[in-house]
Amino acid sequence: MNKNQVKGAVKDIAGKVQEEVGKLSGSKEQQAKGLDKQISGKAEKAFGDAKEAFKDATKHA
């Protein structure tokens, strides 16, 4: 697991929490920010996954 995967997962979880807080408080802005953070986190994790796959592929080549 690389730092992009970890940072992405943490950002995704933080976004989920922020979205839920927004729902509970009735803040559409916080919900939107939470969703944005989740998307960013998922993208960063996907980038980390791709880096790991490339590293593994070049190791076995």
PDB file of N, CA and C in Angstrom:
ATOM      1  N   MET A   1       0.858  -1.174   0.000  1.00  0.00           N
ATOM      2  CA  MET A   1       0.000   0.000   0.000  1.00  0.00           C
ATOM      3  C   MET A   1       0.906   1.240   0.000  1.00  0.00           C
ATOM      4  N   ASN A   2       0.607   2.170  -0.889  1.00  0.00           N
ATOM      5  CA  ASN A   2       1.417   3.386  -0.973  1.00  0.00           C
ATOM      6  C   ASN A   2       0.675   4.580  -0.380  1.00  0.00           C
ATOM      7  N   LYS A   3       1.398   5.703  -0.305  1.00  0.00           N
ATOM      8  CA  LYS A   3       0.824   6.872   0.368  1.00  0.00           C
ATOM      9  C   LYS A   3      -0.406   7.418  -0.350  1.00  0.00           C
ATOM     10  N   ASN A   4      -0.482   7.291  -1.671  1.00  0.00           N
ATOM     11  CA  ASN A   4      -1.659   7.765  -2.388  1.00  0.00           C
ATOM     12  C   ASN A   4      -2.895   6.947  -2.035  1.00  0.00           C
ATOM     13  N   GLN A   5      -2.722   5.664  -1.870  1.00  0.00           N
ATOM     14  CA  GLN A   5      -3.849   4.813  -1.490  1.00  0.00           C
ATOM     15  C   GLN A   5      -4.352   5.172  -0.093  1.00  0.00           C
ATOM     16  N   VAL A   6      -3.421   5.382   0.828  1.00  0.00           N
ATOM     17  CA  VAL A   6      -3.794   5.719   2.202  1.00  0.00           C
ATOM     18  C   VAL A   6      -4.457   7.094   2.255  1.00  0.00           C
ATOM     19  N   LYS A   7      -3.821   8.098   1.637  1.00  0.00           N
ATOM     20  CA  LYS A   7      -4.381   9.453   1.658  1.00  0.00           C
ATOM     21  C   LYS A   7      -5.748   9.481   0.989  1.00  0.00           C
ATOM     22  N   GLY A   8      -5.898   8.740  -0.094  1.00  0.00           N
ATOM     23  CA  GLY A   8      -7.178   8.692  -0.788  1.00  0.00           C
ATOM     24  C   GLY A   8      -8.271   8.074   0.061  1.00  0.00           C
ATOM     25  N   ALA A   9      -7.946   6.988   0.743  1.00  0.00           N
ATOM     26  CA  ALA A   9      -8.932   6.324   1.600  1.00  0.00           C
ATOM     27  C   ALA A   9      -9.346   7.233   2.760  1.00  0.00           C
ATOM     28  N   VAL A  10      -8.367   7.913   3.356  1.00  0.00           N
ATOM     29  CA  VAL A  10      -8.664   8.817   4.472  1.00  0.00           C
ATOM     30  C   VAL A  10      -9.543   9.972   3.997  1.00  0.00           C
ATOM     31  N   LYS A  11      -9.218  10.516   2.829  1.00  0.00           N
ATOM     32  CA  LYS A  11     -10.001  11.637   2.288  1.00  0.00           C
ATOM     33  C   LYS A  11     -11.423  11.194   1.972  1.00  0.00           C
ATOM     34  N   ASP A  12     -11.578   9.984   1.457  1.00  0.00           N
ATOM     35  CA  ASP A  12     -12.904   9.447   1.148  1.00  0.00           C
ATOM     36  C   ASP A  12     -13.739   9.314   2.426  1.00  0.00           C
ATOM     37  N   ILE A  13     -13.144   8.770   3.479  1.00  0.00           N
ATOM     38  CA  ILE A  13     -13.858   8.616   4.750  1.00  0.00           C
ATOM     39  C   ILE A  13     -14.222   9.975   5.340  1.00  0.00           C
ATOM     40  N   ALA A  14     -13.269  10.906   5.296  1.00  0.00           N
ATOM     41  CA  ALA A  14     -13.539  12.252   5.814  1.00  0.00           C
ATOM     42  C   ALA A  14     -14.677  12.910   5.040  1.00  0.00           C
ATOM     43  N   GLY A  15     -14.725  12.679   3.742  1.00  0.00           N
ATOM     44  CA  GLY A  15     -15.801  13.221   2.926  1.00  0.00           C
ATOM     45  C   GLY A  15     -17.153  12.632   3.290  1.00  0.00           C
ATOM     46  N   LYS A  16     -17.167  11.337   3.594  1.00  0.00           N
ATOM     47  CA  LYS A  16     -18.419  10.691   4.004  1.00  0.00           C
ATOM     48  C   LYS A  16     -18.917  11.278   5.317  1.00  0.00           C
ATOM     49  N   VAL A  17     -17.992  11.494   6.244  1.00  0.00           N
ATOM     50  CA  VAL A  17     -18.360  12.085   7.532  1.00  0.00           C
ATOM     51  C   VAL A  17     -18.900  13.500   7.321  1.00  0.00           C
ATOM     52  N   GLN A  18     -18.188  14.278   6.494  1.00  0.00           N
ATOM     53  CA  GLN A  18     -18.613  15.657   6.238  1.00  0.00           C
ATOM     54  C   GLN A  18     -19.981  15.698   5.568  1.00  0.00           C
ATOM     55  N   GLU A  19     -20.227  14.786   4.647  1.00  0.00           N
ATOM     56  CA  GLU A  19     -21.531  14.726   3.987  1.00  0.00           C
ATOM     57  C   GLU A  19     -22.635  14.419   4.999  1.00  0.00           C
ATOM     58  N   GLU A  20     -22.394  13.452   5.893  1.00  0.00           N
ATOM     59  CA  GLU A  20     -23.392  13.094   6.901  1.00  0.00           C
ATOM     60  C   GLU A  20     -23.657  14.244   7.862  1.00  0.00           C
ATOM     61  N   VAL A  21     -22.600  14.948   8.261  1.00  0.00           N
ATOM     62  CA  VAL A  21     -22.776  16.109   9.137  1.00  0.00           C
ATOM     63  C   VAL A  21     -23.623  17.156   8.419  1.00  0.00           C
ATOM     64  N   GLY A  22     -23.370  17.339   7.139  1.00  0.00           N
ATOM     65  CA  GLY A  22     -24.171  18.269   6.345  1.00  0.00           C
ATOM     66  C   GLY A  22     -25.633  17.863   6.285  1.00  0.00           C
ATOM     67  N   LYS A  23     -25.886  16.560   6.140  1.00  0.00           N
ATOM     68  CA  LYS A  23     -27.264  16.072   6.113  1.00  0.00           C
ATOM     69  C   LYS A  23     -27.956  16.325   7.445  1.00  0.00           C
ATOM     70  N   LEU A  24     -27.245  16.007   8.531  1.00  0.00           N
ATOM     71  CA  LEU A  24     -27.828  16.167   9.868  1.00  0.00           C
ATOM     72  C   LEU A  24     -28.091  17.627  10.206  1.00  0.00           C
ATOM     73  N   SER A  25     -27.217  18.517   9.740  1.00  0.00           N
ATOM     74  CA  SER A  25     -27.380  19.941  10.054  1.00  0.00           C
ATOM     75  C   SER A  25     -28.208  20.676   8.999  1.00  0.00           C
ATOM     76  N   GLY A  26     -28.543  19.985   7.910  1.00  0.00           N
ATOM     77  CA  GLY A  26     -29.329  20.608   6.849  1.00  0.00           C
ATOM     78  C   GLY A  26     -28.520  21.531   5.959  1.00  0.00           C
ATOM     79  N   SER A  27     -27.197  21.363   5.972  1.00  0.00           N
ATOM     80  CA  SER A  27     -26.316  22.225   5.177  1.00  0.00           C
ATOM     81  C   SER A  27     -25.989  21.564   3.835  1.00  0.00           C
ATOM     82  N   LYS A  28     -26.594  22.084   2.782  1.00  0.00           N
ATOM     83  CA  LYS A  28     -26.310  21.568   1.430  1.00  0.00           C
ATOM     84  C   LYS A  28     -24.855  21.819   1.055  1.00  0.00           C
ATOM     85  N   GLU A  29     -24.297  22.936   1.542  1.00  0.00           N
ATOM     86  CA  GLU A  29     -22.902  23.273   1.236  1.00  0.00           C
ATOM     87  C   GLU A  29     -21.955  22.212   1.808  1.00  0.00           C
ATOM     88  N   GLN A  30     -22.181  21.810   3.057  1.00  0.00           N
ATOM     89  CA  GLN A  30     -21.327  20.786   3.673  1.00  0.00           C
ATOM     90  C   GLN A  30     -21.507  19.438   2.990  1.00  0.00           C
ATOM     91  N   GLN A  31     -22.725  19.134   2.574  1.00  0.00           N
ATOM     92  CA  GLN A  31     -22.961  17.887   1.841  1.00  0.00           C
ATOM     93  C   GLN A  31     -22.174  17.887   0.542  1.00  0.00           C
ATOM     94  N   ALA A  32     -22.218  19.001  -0.177  1.00  0.00           N
ATOM     95  CA  ALA A  32     -21.505  19.112  -1.451  1.00  0.00           C
ATOM     96  C   ALA A  32     -19.996  19.018  -1.242  1.00  0.00           C
ATOM     97  N   LYS A  33     -19.497  19.685  -0.208  1.00  0.00           N
ATOM     98  CA  LYS A  33     -18.066  19.616   0.080  1.00  0.00           C
ATOM     99  C   LYS A  33     -17.656  18.195   0.430  1.00  0.00           C
ATOM    100  N   GLY A  34     -18.504  17.494   1.161  1.00  0.00           N
ATOM    101  CA  GLY A  34     -18.227  16.107   1.509  1.00  0.00           C
ATOM    102  C   GLY A  34     -18.182  15.210   0.284  1.00  0.00           C
ATOM    103  N   LEU A  35     -19.138  15.403  -0.613  1.00  0.00           N
ATOM    104  CA  LEU A  35     -19.140  14.621  -1.856  1.00  0.00           C
ATOM    105  C   LEU A  35     -17.909  14.918  -2.694  1.00  0.00           C
ATOM    106  N   ASP A  36     -17.528  16.190  -2.752  1.00  0.00           N
ATOM    107  CA  ASP A  36     -16.336  16.579  -3.505  1.00  0.00           C
ATOM    108  C   ASP A  36     -15.092  15.913  -2.916  1.00  0.00           C
ATOM    109  N   LYS A  37     -15.007  15.891  -1.598  1.00  0.00           N
ATOM    110  CA  LYS A  37     -13.862  15.275  -0.916  1.00  0.00           C
ATOM    111  C   LYS A  37     -13.835  13.769  -1.194  1.00  0.00           C
ATOM    112  N   GLN A  38     -15.014  13.145  -1.241  1.00  0.00           N
ATOM    113  CA  GLN A  38     -15.078  11.714  -1.539  1.00  0.00           C
ATOM    114  C   GLN A  38     -14.572  11.420  -2.949  1.00  0.00           C
ATOM    115  N   ILE A  39     -14.992  12.231  -3.891  1.00  0.00           N
ATOM    116  CA  ILE A  39     -14.557  12.046  -5.281  1.00  0.00           C
ATOM    117  C   ILE A  39     -13.051  12.202  -5.383  1.00  0.00           C
ATOM    118  N   SER A  40     -12.527  13.238  -4.732  1.00  0.00           N
ATOM    119  CA  SER A  40     -11.093  13.474  -4.732  1.00  0.00           C
ATOM    120  C   SER A  40     -10.349  12.310  -4.090  1.00  0.00           C
ATOM    121  N   GLY A  41     -10.869  11.806  -2.996  1.00  0.00           N
ATOM    122  CA  GLY A  41     -10.245  10.676  -2.318  1.00  0.00           C
ATOM    123  C   GLY A  41     -10.246   9.417  -3.152  1.00  0.00           C
ATOM    124  N   LYS A  42     -11.364   9.156  -3.816  1.00  0.00           N
ATOM    125  CA  LYS A  42     -11.452   7.969  -4.670  1.00  0.00           C
ATOM    126  C   LYS A  42     -10.482   8.072  -5.847  1.00  0.00           C
ATOM    127  N   ALA A  43     -10.348   9.269  -6.396  1.00  0.00           N
ATOM    128  CA  ALA A  43      -9.418   9.477  -7.513  1.00  0.00           C
ATOM    129  C   ALA A  43      -7.976   9.258  -7.054  1.00  0.00           C
ATOM    130  N   GLU A  44      -7.631   9.795  -5.885  1.00  0.00           N
ATOM    131  CA  GLU A  44      -6.272   9.620  -5.375  1.00  0.00           C
ATOM    132  C   GLU A  44      -5.981   8.157  -5.071  1.00  0.00           C
ATOM    133  N   LYS A  45      -6.963   7.453  -4.514  1.00  0.00           N
ATOM    134  CA  LYS A  45      -6.775   6.031  -4.235  1.00  0.00           C
ATOM    135  C   LYS A  45      -6.611   5.245  -5.529  1.00  0.00           C
ATOM    136  N   ALA A  46      -7.393   5.585  -6.555  1.00  0.00           N
ATOM    137  CA  ALA A  46      -7.275   4.908  -7.849  1.00  0.00           C
ATOM    138  C   ALA A  46      -5.888   5.141  -8.455  1.00  0.00           C
ATOM    139  N   PHE A  47      -5.379   6.367  -8.302  1.00  0.00           N
ATOM    140  CA  PHE A  47      -4.034   6.671  -8.784  1.00  0.00           C
ATOM    141  C   PHE A  47      -3.013   5.808  -8.043  1.00  0.00           C
ATOM    142  N   GLY A  48      -3.165   5.687  -6.736  1.00  0.00           N
ATOM    143  CA  GLY A  48      -2.269   4.841  -5.950  1.00  0.00           C
ATOM    144  C   GLY A  48      -2.366   3.384  -6.354  1.00  0.00           C
ATOM    145  N   ASP A  49      -3.585   2.927  -6.632  1.00  0.00           N
ATOM    146  CA  ASP A  49      -3.781   1.545  -7.091  1.00  0.00           C
ATOM    147  C   ASP A  49      -3.051   1.319  -8.416  1.00  0.00           C
ATOM    148  N   ALA A  50      -3.144   2.292  -9.321  1.00  0.00           N
ATOM    149  CA  ALA A  50      -2.487   2.175 -10.616  1.00  0.00           C
ATOM    150  C   ALA A  50      -0.967   2.146 -10.447  1.00  0.00           C
ATOM    151  N   LYS A  51      -0.449   2.969  -9.548  1.00  0.00           N
ATOM    152  CA  LYS A  51       0.995   2.969  -9.289  1.00  0.00           C
ATOM    153  C   LYS A  51       1.451   1.616  -8.767  1.00  0.00           C
ATOM    154  N   GLU A  52       0.662   1.038  -7.857  1.00  0.00           N
ATOM    155  CA  GLU A  52       1.003  -0.286  -7.310  1.00  0.00           C
ATOM    156  C   GLU A  52       0.976  -1.350  -8.405  1.00  0.00           C
ATOM    157  N   ALA A  53      -0.039  -1.300  -9.249  1.00  0.00           N
ATOM    158  CA  ALA A  53      -0.157  -2.290 -10.328  1.00  0.00           C
ATOM    159  C   ALA A  53       1.009  -2.168 -11.292  1.00  0.00           C
ATOM    160  N   PHE A  54       1.400  -0.936 -11.596  1.00  0.00           N
ATOM    161  CA  PHE A  54       2.544  -0.726 -12.498  1.00  0.00           C
ATOM    162  C   PHE A  54       3.819  -1.240 -11.851  1.00  0.00           C
ATOM    163  N   LYS A  55       4.006  -0.941 -10.570  1.00  0.00           N
ATOM    164  CA  LYS A  55       5.195  -1.400  -9.855  1.00  0.00           C
ATOM    165  C   LYS A  55       5.260  -2.917  -9.835  1.00  0.00           C
ATOM    166  N   ASP A  56       4.121  -3.568  -9.578  1.00  0.00           N
ATOM    167  CA  ASP A  56       4.078  -5.021  -9.563  1.00  0.00           C
ATOM    168  C   ASP A  56       4.351  -5.610 -10.951  1.00  0.00           C
ATOM    169  N   ALA A  57       3.807  -4.963 -11.973  1.00  0.00           N
ATOM    170  CA  ALA A  57       3.993  -5.461 -13.342  1.00  0.00           C
ATOM    171  C   ALA A  57       5.456  -5.346 -13.766  1.00  0.00           C
ATOM    172  N   THR A  58       6.108  -4.272 -13.403  1.00  0.00           N
ATOM    173  CA  THR A  58       7.506  -4.096 -13.807  1.00  0.00           C
ATOM    174  C   THR A  58       8.423  -4.984 -12.972  1.00  0.00           C
ATOM    175  N   LYS A  59       7.999  -5.334 -11.763  1.00  0.00           N
ATOM    176  CA  LYS A  59       8.800  -6.210 -10.903  1.00  0.00           C
ATOM    177  C   LYS A  59       8.847  -7.622 -11.469  1.00  0.00           C
ATOM    178  N   HIS A  60       7.742  -8.054 -12.067  1.00  0.00           N
ATOM    179  CA  HIS A  60       7.626  -9.426 -12.580  1.00  0.00           C
ATOM    180  C   HIS A  60       8.038  -9.545 -14.052  1.00  0.00           C
ATOM    181  N   ALA A  61       8.403  -8.449 -14.667  1.00  0.00           N
ATOM    182  CA  ALA A  61       8.741  -8.476 -16.097  1.00  0.00           C
ATOM    183  C   ALA A  61      10.161  -8.889 -16.320  1.00  0.00           C
TER     184      ALA A  61
END
